[in-house]
Amino acid sequence: MTALLNRLRRRREYTRAAAHLTFTVYTRAECCCCHKALDVLREKQPGWGFAIEEVDVDSDPDLAAQHGAAVPVVAVNGKVRFRGLVNPALLDRLLRAEGR
């Protein structure tokens, strides 16, 4: 019982602790990996409070040239953190570190 209470208390400490972060997801239309990456981020967003921006690389020739077919690319406050699928365990670790 004590362990459960400690976990709940820790969760509350992190709630909205990452509101200063913006996740920019570079995507392409009809990209299943892009949709999966967005789903993982959207699942974590309510508890952590970070913002998500979606950028279609095909809408900008420079972005299309920069990223090519290697999407999704997820940048956090401008720094690329994930390429391809978003690993939920690494995302949790990143959010905890940034939330401190």
C-alpha atoms as a PDB file:
ATOM      1  CA  MET A   1       0.000   0.000   0.000  1.00  0.00           C
ATOM      2  CA  THR A   2       2.823   2.390   0.866  1.00  0.00           C
ATOM      3  CA  ALA A   3       4.538   1.705  -2.467  1.00  0.00           C
ATOM      4  CA  LEU A   4       1.351   2.567  -4.332  1.00  0.00           C
ATOM      5  CA  LEU A   5       0.975   5.835  -2.419  1.00  0.00           C
ATOM      6  CA  ASN A   6       4.594   6.736  -3.128  1.00  0.00           C
ATOM      7  CA  ARG A   7       4.109   6.122  -6.854  1.00  0.00           C
ATOM      8  CA  LEU A   8       0.968   8.249  -6.906  1.00  0.00           C
ATOM      9  CA  ARG A   9       2.733  11.034  -5.033  1.00  0.00           C
ATOM     10  CA  ARG A  10       5.629  10.967  -7.503  1.00  0.00           C
ATOM     11  CA  ARG A  11       3.191  11.122 -10.413  1.00  0.00           C
ATOM     12  CA  ARG A  12       1.590  14.225  -8.951  1.00  0.00           C
ATOM     13  CA  GLU A  13       5.015  15.828  -8.600  1.00  0.00           C
ATOM     14  CA  TYR A  14       5.612  15.421 -12.328  1.00  0.00           C
ATOM     15  CA  THR A  15       2.152  16.488 -13.434  1.00  0.00           C
ATOM     16  CA  ARG A  16       2.526  19.357 -15.882  1.00  0.00           C
ATOM     17  CA  ALA A  17       6.221  19.585 -14.946  1.00  0.00           C
ATOM     18  CA  ALA A  18       7.171  19.619 -18.624  1.00  0.00           C
ATOM     19  CA  ALA A  19       4.907  22.491 -19.674  1.00  0.00           C
ATOM     20  CA  HIS A  20       7.992  24.395 -20.843  1.00  0.00           C
ATOM     21  CA  LEU A  21       8.725  21.760 -23.512  1.00  0.00           C
ATOM     22  CA  THR A  22       7.565  21.793 -27.118  1.00  0.00           C
ATOM     23  CA  PHE A  23       7.732  18.557 -29.078  1.00  0.00           C
ATOM     24  CA  THR A  24       7.988  19.232 -32.816  1.00  0.00           C
ATOM     25  CA  VAL A  25       7.115  16.166 -34.879  1.00  0.00           C
ATOM     26  CA  TYR A  26       8.218  16.232 -38.508  1.00  0.00           C
ATOM     27  CA  THR A  27       5.802  13.994 -40.398  1.00  0.00           C
ATOM     28  CA  ARG A  28       4.487  13.000 -43.797  1.00  0.00           C
ATOM     29  CA  ALA A  29       0.903  12.378 -44.800  1.00  0.00           C
ATOM     30  CA  GLU A  30      -0.192   8.757 -44.463  1.00  0.00           C
ATOM     31  CA  CYS A  31       2.943   7.714 -42.553  1.00  0.00           C
ATOM     32  CA  CYS A  32       2.004   4.992 -40.067  1.00  0.00           C
ATOM     33  CA  CYS A  33       5.208   5.479 -38.030  1.00  0.00           C
ATOM     34  CA  CYS A  34       4.374   9.182 -37.751  1.00  0.00           C
ATOM     35  CA  HIS A  35       0.907   8.358 -36.441  1.00  0.00           C
ATOM     36  CA  LYS A  36       2.364   5.926 -33.893  1.00  0.00           C
ATOM     37  CA  ALA A  37       4.889   8.511 -32.671  1.00  0.00           C
ATOM     38  CA  LEU A  38       2.126  11.099 -32.289  1.00  0.00           C
ATOM     39  CA  ASP A  39      -0.046   8.584 -30.416  1.00  0.00           C
ATOM     40  CA  VAL A  40       2.744   7.912 -27.890  1.00  0.00           C
ATOM     41  CA  LEU A  41       3.274  11.649 -27.357  1.00  0.00           C
ATOM     42  CA  ARG A  42      -0.447  12.394 -27.074  1.00  0.00           C
ATOM     43  CA  GLU A  43      -0.816   9.649 -24.470  1.00  0.00           C
ATOM     44  CA  LYS A  44       1.820  11.323 -22.248  1.00  0.00           C
ATOM     45  CA  GLN A  45       0.792  14.929 -22.951  1.00  0.00           C
ATOM     46  CA  PRO A  46      -2.104  15.346 -20.459  1.00  0.00           C
ATOM     47  CA  GLY A  47      -0.016  14.354 -17.450  1.00  0.00           C
ATOM     48  CA  TRP A  48       3.102  16.284 -18.387  1.00  0.00           C
ATOM     49  CA  GLY A  49       1.604  19.351 -20.066  1.00  0.00           C
ATOM     50  CA  PHE A  50       4.044  19.715 -22.956  1.00  0.00           C
ATOM     51  CA  ALA A  51       3.037  21.135 -26.332  1.00  0.00           C
ATOM     52  CA  ILE A  52       3.053  19.162 -29.584  1.00  0.00           C
ATOM     53  CA  GLU A  53       3.588  20.778 -32.993  1.00  0.00           C
ATOM     54  CA  GLU A  54       3.108  18.776 -36.160  1.00  0.00           C
ATOM     55  CA  VAL A  55       5.082  19.827 -39.240  1.00  0.00           C
ATOM     56  CA  ASP A  56       4.457  18.204 -42.617  1.00  0.00           C
ATOM     57  CA  VAL A  57       7.868  17.998 -44.305  1.00  0.00           C
ATOM     58  CA  ASP A  58       6.246  17.851 -47.745  1.00  0.00           C
ATOM     59  CA  SER A  59       4.864  21.370 -47.241  1.00  0.00           C
ATOM     60  CA  ASP A  60       8.381  22.857 -47.287  1.00  0.00           C
ATOM     61  CA  PRO A  61      10.989  21.864 -49.910  1.00  0.00           C
ATOM     62  CA  ASP A  62      13.850  22.614 -47.501  1.00  0.00           C
ATOM     63  CA  LEU A  63      12.398  20.287 -44.858  1.00  0.00           C
ATOM     64  CA  ALA A  64      11.714  17.614 -47.477  1.00  0.00           C
ATOM     65  CA  ALA A  65      15.349  17.807 -48.571  1.00  0.00           C
ATOM     66  CA  GLN A  66      16.611  17.838 -44.980  1.00  0.00           C
ATOM     67  CA  HIS A  67      14.606  14.861 -43.728  1.00  0.00           C
ATOM     68  CA  GLY A  68      14.030  12.919 -46.930  1.00  0.00           C
ATOM     69  CA  ALA A  69      12.146   9.709 -46.163  1.00  0.00           C
ATOM     70  CA  ALA A  70      13.469   9.547 -42.577  1.00  0.00           C
ATOM     71  CA  VAL A  71      10.321  10.530 -40.715  1.00  0.00           C
ATOM     72  CA  PRO A  72       9.084  10.866 -38.070  1.00  0.00           C
ATOM     73  CA  VAL A  73      11.694  13.065 -36.479  1.00  0.00           C
ATOM     74  CA  VAL A  74      10.852  14.389 -33.017  1.00  0.00           C
ATOM     75  CA  ALA A  75      12.633  17.482 -31.730  1.00  0.00           C
ATOM     76  CA  VAL A  76      12.253  18.760 -28.184  1.00  0.00           C
ATOM     77  CA  ASN A  77      12.747  22.525 -27.933  1.00  0.00           C
ATOM     78  CA  GLY A  78      14.695  22.380 -31.198  1.00  0.00           C
ATOM     79  CA  LYS A  79      16.955  19.421 -30.351  1.00  0.00           C
ATOM     80  CA  VAL A  80      16.307  16.149 -32.209  1.00  0.00           C
ATOM     81  CA  ARG A  81      15.561  13.449 -29.646  1.00  0.00           C
ATOM     82  CA  PHE A  82      13.874  10.662 -31.653  1.00  0.00           C
ATOM     83  CA  ARG A  83      14.091   9.410 -35.217  1.00  0.00           C
ATOM     84  CA  GLY A  84      11.584   6.805 -36.274  1.00  0.00           C
ATOM     85  CA  LEU A  85       9.426   5.407 -33.510  1.00  0.00           C
ATOM     86  CA  VAL A  86       9.260   7.091 -30.106  1.00  0.00           C
ATOM     87  CA  ASN A  87      10.391   4.705 -27.376  1.00  0.00           C
ATOM     88  CA  PRO A  88       7.972   5.183 -24.422  1.00  0.00           C
ATOM     89  CA  ALA A  89      10.619   4.243 -21.822  1.00  0.00           C
ATOM     90  CA  LEU A  90      13.109   6.769 -23.212  1.00  0.00           C
ATOM     91  CA  LEU A  91      10.341   9.364 -23.443  1.00  0.00           C
ATOM     92  CA  ASP A  92       9.514   8.833 -19.752  1.00  0.00           C
ATOM     93  CA  ARG A  93      13.183   9.206 -18.850  1.00  0.00           C
ATOM     94  CA  LEU A  94      13.457  12.400 -20.909  1.00  0.00           C
ATOM     95  CA  LEU A  95      10.326  13.883 -19.345  1.00  0.00           C
ATOM     96  CA  ARG A  96      11.477  13.097 -15.821  1.00  0.00           C
ATOM     97  CA  ALA A  97      14.888  14.656 -16.493  1.00  0.00           C
ATOM     98  CA  GLU A  98      13.434  17.773 -18.118  1.00  0.00           C
ATOM     99  CA  GLY A  99      10.715  18.092 -15.495  1.00  0.00           C
ATOM    100  CA  ARG A 100      13.182  18.636 -12.665  1.00  0.00           C
END
